[in-house]
Each structure stands twice: as C-alpha cells, then as structure tokens.
Amino acid sequence: QLETLEQEEQECLELRPHPTEKRTHVVSHQHGMTVSKTLQEGEAEPQCQSFCYSRAKLRGLLLEGASLLLLRVLARRHTMPPNLVFPAMDTEGNLCTSSY
C-alpha cells in the first residue's frame, strides 16, 4: 500500500540566450492530488499553472518514485506479470497509462 505524498521534478535547459527551467510539484491531499507547474524562460515572468485530480481518477496511480520501486521488486523476483498497466502522469502532469 505505497502512496506518493509529494513529488517534485525540476528540469533545466541551458539554451543561450534564454535558459529554461521547468518545475512540477505534485502534492497529495484529502480530496486527491494537486499538480503545480512553473515555467521560467530567460528573464521573462514565470508562467504558473495549477490543477487538481480527484481520488477516483487517481486510483492505482504510479508516479516516478513508486515506479522505480516496482521495477526493483519485479527485477528481484525475476518475474513480470502479463499486461501490467497502471495510471501514471506524463511530464506535463496529465494522466496517462504506464505499461510494463
């Protein structure tokens, strides 16, 4: 019964003359999960966006940290259940599926 309580991801691109920094912060709460995204391009004002997902939509969600743990367990057991698919989140914070 592992559950992601909080996750932060940061990506920096050193492109001249406008370096870009992208941050995604995911926080679990009573009603579901909030995803906050920030994009900073060069000296421009940061662009911020935030949205929420309900618990019902997140049932079985497998985020990056939990995915790594699952892969380690499967590797240690030397087994892979057929058709292993989980709800996941892409790099933009949108819900998608992850197949193993």
N, C-alpha and C. Protein backbone atom coordinates (compact mmCIF):
# COMPACT_ATOMS: atom_id res chain seq x y z
N GLN A 1 0.83 -1.20 0.00
CA GLN A 1 0.00 0.00 0.00
C GLN A 1 0.87 1.25 0.00
N LEU A 2 1.76 1.38 -0.98
CA LEU A 2 2.57 2.58 -1.10
C LEU A 2 1.75 3.70 -1.73
N GLU A 3 1.97 4.90 -1.23
CA GLU A 3 1.25 6.06 -1.75
C GLU A 3 2.20 7.23 -1.84
N THR A 4 2.19 7.93 -2.95
CA THR A 4 3.02 9.12 -3.10
C THR A 4 2.35 10.28 -2.39
N LEU A 5 3.07 10.88 -1.46
CA LEU A 5 2.53 12.02 -0.73
C LEU A 5 2.93 13.34 -1.38
N GLU A 6 4.15 13.37 -1.92
CA GLU A 6 4.63 14.58 -2.56
C GLU A 6 5.77 14.22 -3.51
N GLN A 7 5.83 14.93 -4.63
CA GLN A 7 6.89 14.69 -5.60
C GLN A 7 7.24 16.01 -6.28
N GLU A 8 8.52 16.25 -6.46
CA GLU A 8 8.95 17.47 -7.15
C GLU A 8 9.93 17.08 -8.25
N GLU A 9 9.74 17.70 -9.40
CA GLU A 9 10.60 17.44 -10.55
C GLU A 9 11.09 18.77 -11.09
N GLN A 10 12.38 18.85 -11.42
CA GLN A 10 12.95 20.08 -11.95
C GLN A 10 13.78 19.75 -13.18
N GLU A 11 13.59 20.53 -14.22
CA GLU A 11 14.32 20.35 -15.47
C GLU A 11 14.89 21.69 -15.89
N CYS A 12 16.19 21.74 -16.16
CA CYS A 12 16.85 22.98 -16.58
C CYS A 12 17.51 22.76 -17.93
N LEU A 13 17.26 23.67 -18.85
CA LEU A 13 17.89 23.65 -20.16
C LEU A 13 18.73 24.92 -20.29
N GLU A 14 20.01 24.76 -20.50
CA GLU A 14 20.92 25.90 -20.62
C GLU A 14 21.05 26.31 -22.08
N LEU A 15 19.98 26.79 -22.66
CA LEU A 15 19.98 27.25 -24.04
C LEU A 15 20.21 28.75 -24.06
N ARG A 16 21.22 29.17 -24.79
CA ARG A 16 21.52 30.60 -24.85
C ARG A 16 20.72 31.23 -25.98
N PRO A 17 20.21 32.38 -25.86
CA PRO A 17 20.35 33.32 -24.75
C PRO A 17 19.24 33.20 -23.71
N HIS A 18 18.36 32.18 -23.84
CA HIS A 18 17.22 32.07 -22.92
C HIS A 18 17.20 30.71 -22.23
N PRO A 19 17.92 30.57 -21.10
CA PRO A 19 17.83 29.31 -20.36
C PRO A 19 16.40 29.09 -19.88
N THR A 20 16.01 27.83 -19.80
CA THR A 20 14.64 27.48 -19.43
C THR A 20 14.65 26.56 -18.22
N GLU A 21 13.78 26.84 -17.27
CA GLU A 21 13.64 25.99 -16.09
C GLU A 21 12.16 25.61 -15.95
N LYS A 22 11.92 24.31 -15.80
CA LYS A 22 10.56 23.81 -15.65
C LYS A 22 10.48 23.02 -14.35
N ARG A 23 9.51 23.35 -13.52
CA ARG A 23 9.29 22.65 -12.25
C ARG A 23 7.87 22.11 -12.20
N THR A 24 7.76 20.90 -11.69
CA THR A 24 6.44 20.30 -11.45
C THR A 24 6.41 19.80 -10.02
N HIS A 25 5.41 20.23 -9.28
CA HIS A 25 5.25 19.84 -7.87
C HIS A 25 3.90 19.16 -7.71
N VAL A 26 3.92 17.94 -7.20
CA VAL A 26 2.70 17.14 -7.01
C VAL A 26 2.53 16.90 -5.52
N VAL A 27 1.34 17.22 -5.00
CA VAL A 27 1.06 17.04 -3.57
C VAL A 27 -0.26 16.30 -3.40
N SER A 28 -0.23 15.27 -2.59
CA SER A 28 -1.44 14.51 -2.27
C SER A 28 -2.17 15.21 -1.12
N HIS A 29 -3.49 15.22 -1.17
CA HIS A 29 -4.30 15.79 -0.10
C HIS A 29 -5.58 14.97 0.04
N GLN A 30 -6.40 15.37 0.96
CA GLN A 30 -7.61 14.63 1.32
C GLN A 30 -8.52 14.31 0.13
N HIS A 31 -8.64 15.23 -0.81
CA HIS A 31 -9.57 15.05 -1.93
C HIS A 31 -8.92 14.52 -3.20
N GLY A 32 -7.59 14.40 -3.21
CA GLY A 32 -6.91 13.91 -4.40
C GLY A 32 -5.48 14.39 -4.47
N MET A 33 -5.14 15.02 -5.59
CA MET A 33 -3.78 15.48 -5.81
C MET A 33 -3.79 16.81 -6.56
N THR A 34 -2.88 17.70 -6.15
CA THR A 34 -2.71 18.98 -6.84
C THR A 34 -1.38 18.97 -7.57
N VAL A 35 -1.41 19.39 -8.82
CA VAL A 35 -0.22 19.49 -9.66
C VAL A 35 0.02 20.97 -9.93
N SER A 36 1.21 21.46 -9.59
CA SER A 36 1.58 22.85 -9.86
C SER A 36 2.78 22.85 -10.79
N LYS A 37 2.66 23.58 -11.89
CA LYS A 37 3.73 23.66 -12.88
C LYS A 37 4.21 25.10 -13.01
N THR A 38 5.52 25.28 -13.11
CA THR A 38 6.11 26.59 -13.30
C THR A 38 7.11 26.51 -14.44
N LEU A 39 7.01 27.46 -15.37
CA LEU A 39 7.94 27.52 -16.50
C LEU A 39 8.59 28.90 -16.49
N GLN A 40 9.91 28.92 -16.42
CA GLN A 40 10.68 30.17 -16.42
C GLN A 40 11.60 30.16 -17.63
N GLU A 41 11.35 31.07 -18.56
CA GLU A 41 12.17 31.17 -19.77
C GLU A 41 12.96 32.46 -19.73
N GLY A 42 14.28 32.34 -19.58
CA GLY A 42 15.15 33.51 -19.51
C GLY A 42 14.74 34.44 -18.38
N GLU A 43 14.67 35.73 -18.70
CA GLU A 43 14.31 36.74 -17.71
C GLU A 43 12.81 37.02 -17.68
N ALA A 44 12.03 36.32 -18.50
CA ALA A 44 10.58 36.54 -18.56
C ALA A 44 9.92 36.17 -17.24
N GLU A 45 8.74 36.69 -17.04
CA GLU A 45 7.94 36.38 -15.85
C GLU A 45 7.60 34.89 -15.86
N PRO A 46 7.74 34.20 -14.73
CA PRO A 46 7.40 32.76 -14.69
C PRO A 46 5.93 32.53 -15.02
N GLN A 47 5.66 31.46 -15.76
CA GLN A 47 4.29 31.07 -16.08
C GLN A 47 3.91 29.94 -15.13
N CYS A 48 2.86 30.15 -14.36
CA CYS A 48 2.43 29.17 -13.36
C CYS A 48 1.06 28.62 -13.72
N GLN A 49 0.88 27.35 -13.43
CA GLN A 49 -0.38 26.67 -13.71
C GLN A 49 -0.58 25.63 -12.61
N SER A 50 -1.80 25.49 -12.14
CA SER A 50 -2.11 24.52 -11.10
C SER A 50 -3.45 23.87 -11.39
N PHE A 51 -3.53 22.56 -11.17
CA PHE A 51 -4.80 21.85 -11.36
C PHE A 51 -4.84 20.66 -10.43
N CYS A 52 -6.05 20.13 -10.22
CA CYS A 52 -6.26 19.04 -9.28
C CYS A 52 -6.89 17.83 -9.95
N TYR A 53 -6.61 16.66 -9.39
CA TYR A 53 -7.25 15.41 -9.79
C TYR A 53 -7.94 14.82 -8.57
N SER A 54 -9.11 14.27 -8.79
CA SER A 54 -9.85 13.65 -7.69
C SER A 54 -9.26 12.28 -7.35
N ARG A 55 -9.54 11.80 -6.16
CA ARG A 55 -9.07 10.47 -5.72
C ARG A 55 -9.56 9.38 -6.68
N ALA A 56 -10.78 9.51 -7.18
CA ALA A 56 -11.35 8.50 -8.08
C ALA A 56 -10.51 8.37 -9.35
N LYS A 57 -10.04 9.49 -9.91
CA LYS A 57 -9.23 9.44 -11.13
C LYS A 57 -7.83 8.91 -10.87
N LEU A 58 -7.37 9.00 -9.62
CA LEU A 58 -6.00 8.62 -9.29
C LEU A 58 -5.87 7.20 -8.76
N ARG A 59 -6.95 6.47 -8.69
CA ARG A 59 -6.90 5.12 -8.12
C ARG A 59 -5.86 4.26 -8.85
N GLY A 60 -4.86 3.78 -8.11
CA GLY A 60 -3.80 2.95 -8.67
C GLY A 60 -2.68 3.73 -9.32
N LEU A 61 -2.68 5.08 -9.15
CA LEU A 61 -1.67 5.93 -9.78
C LEU A 61 -0.26 5.51 -9.38
N LEU A 62 0.61 5.44 -10.35
CA LEU A 62 2.00 5.07 -10.14
C LEU A 62 2.89 6.21 -10.63
N LEU A 63 3.42 7.00 -9.68
CA LEU A 63 4.31 8.09 -10.05
C LEU A 63 5.75 7.58 -10.14
N GLU A 64 6.65 8.46 -10.49
CA GLU A 64 8.03 8.08 -10.80
C GLU A 64 8.74 7.29 -9.69
N GLY A 65 8.65 7.77 -8.46
CA GLY A 65 9.31 7.08 -7.35
C GLY A 65 8.75 5.69 -7.12
N ALA A 66 7.44 5.56 -7.15
CA ALA A 66 6.79 4.26 -6.96
C ALA A 66 7.11 3.32 -8.12
N SER A 67 7.23 3.88 -9.32
CA SER A 67 7.57 3.08 -10.48
C SER A 67 8.96 2.45 -10.34
N LEU A 68 9.91 3.23 -9.84
CA LEU A 68 11.26 2.70 -9.60
C LEU A 68 11.24 1.56 -8.59
N LEU A 69 10.47 1.73 -7.52
CA LEU A 69 10.37 0.67 -6.52
C LEU A 69 9.76 -0.59 -7.11
N LEU A 70 8.70 -0.42 -7.90
CA LEU A 70 8.05 -1.57 -8.53
C LEU A 70 9.02 -2.30 -9.45
N LEU A 71 9.77 -1.56 -10.26
CA LEU A 71 10.73 -2.19 -11.17
C LEU A 71 11.79 -2.98 -10.41
N ARG A 72 12.24 -2.46 -9.29
CA ARG A 72 13.23 -3.17 -8.47
C ARG A 72 12.66 -4.46 -7.89
N VAL A 73 11.41 -4.39 -7.41
CA VAL A 73 10.77 -5.59 -6.87
C VAL A 73 10.61 -6.64 -7.97
N LEU A 74 10.14 -6.24 -9.13
CA LEU A 74 9.96 -7.18 -10.24
C LEU A 74 11.29 -7.77 -10.68
N ALA A 75 12.33 -6.97 -10.71
CA ALA A 75 13.66 -7.48 -11.10
C ALA A 75 14.17 -8.49 -10.08
N ARG A 76 13.94 -8.21 -8.81
CA ARG A 76 14.40 -9.12 -7.75
C ARG A 76 13.65 -10.45 -7.79
N ARG A 77 12.38 -10.40 -8.14
CA ARG A 77 11.56 -11.62 -8.22
C ARG A 77 11.75 -12.36 -9.53
N HIS A 78 12.42 -11.74 -10.49
CA HIS A 78 12.63 -12.34 -11.81
C HIS A 78 11.32 -12.75 -12.46
N THR A 79 10.32 -11.89 -12.31
CA THR A 79 9.02 -12.19 -12.89
C THR A 79 8.36 -10.90 -13.38
N MET A 80 7.53 -11.04 -14.38
CA MET A 80 6.78 -9.90 -14.91
C MET A 80 5.37 -10.36 -15.20
N PRO A 81 4.40 -9.93 -14.40
CA PRO A 81 3.01 -10.30 -14.68
C PRO A 81 2.59 -9.80 -16.07
N PRO A 82 1.79 -10.57 -16.78
CA PRO A 82 1.35 -10.13 -18.11
C PRO A 82 0.41 -8.93 -18.01
N ASN A 83 0.47 -8.07 -19.02
CA ASN A 83 -0.44 -6.91 -19.13
C ASN A 83 -0.44 -6.03 -17.89
N LEU A 84 0.73 -5.70 -17.38
CA LEU A 84 0.85 -4.86 -16.20
C LEU A 84 0.74 -3.39 -16.64
N VAL A 85 -0.40 -2.75 -16.31
CA VAL A 85 -0.68 -1.37 -16.73
C VAL A 85 -1.17 -0.59 -15.51
N PHE A 86 -0.63 0.62 -15.34
CA PHE A 86 -1.01 1.48 -14.23
C PHE A 86 -1.34 2.87 -14.75
N PRO A 87 -2.24 3.59 -14.05
CA PRO A 87 -2.39 5.01 -14.35
C PRO A 87 -1.09 5.71 -13.97
N ALA A 88 -0.68 6.69 -14.75
CA ALA A 88 0.56 7.42 -14.49
C ALA A 88 0.35 8.89 -14.86
N MET A 89 1.40 9.67 -14.70
CA MET A 89 1.35 11.09 -15.03
C MET A 89 2.51 11.39 -15.98
N ASP A 90 2.22 12.07 -17.10
CA ASP A 90 3.29 12.41 -18.04
C ASP A 90 4.06 13.64 -17.55
N THR A 91 5.04 14.08 -18.32
CA THR A 91 5.89 15.19 -17.90
C THR A 91 5.15 16.52 -17.80
N GLU A 92 3.98 16.60 -18.38
CA GLU A 92 3.17 17.82 -18.30
C GLU A 92 2.17 17.78 -17.15
N GLY A 93 2.11 16.64 -16.44
CA GLY A 93 1.16 16.50 -15.33
C GLY A 93 -0.18 15.95 -15.75
N ASN A 94 -0.31 15.50 -17.00
CA ASN A 94 -1.56 14.92 -17.49
C ASN A 94 -1.60 13.44 -17.17
N LEU A 95 -2.80 12.92 -16.91
CA LEU A 95 -2.94 11.49 -16.64
C LEU A 95 -2.76 10.70 -17.93
N CYS A 96 -2.07 9.57 -17.82
CA CYS A 96 -1.84 8.67 -18.95
C CYS A 96 -1.71 7.26 -18.36
N THR A 97 -1.25 6.30 -19.14
CA THR A 97 -1.01 4.97 -18.60
C THR A 97 0.44 4.59 -18.79
N SER A 98 0.90 3.71 -17.92
CA SER A 98 2.27 3.21 -17.98
C SER A 98 2.17 1.69 -18.06
N SER A 99 2.75 1.13 -19.12
CA SER A 99 2.72 -0.32 -19.33
C SER A 99 4.10 -0.90 -19.10
N TYR A 100 4.15 -2.08 -18.48
CA TYR A 100 5.43 -2.75 -18.21
C TYR A 100 5.47 -4.05 -18.97
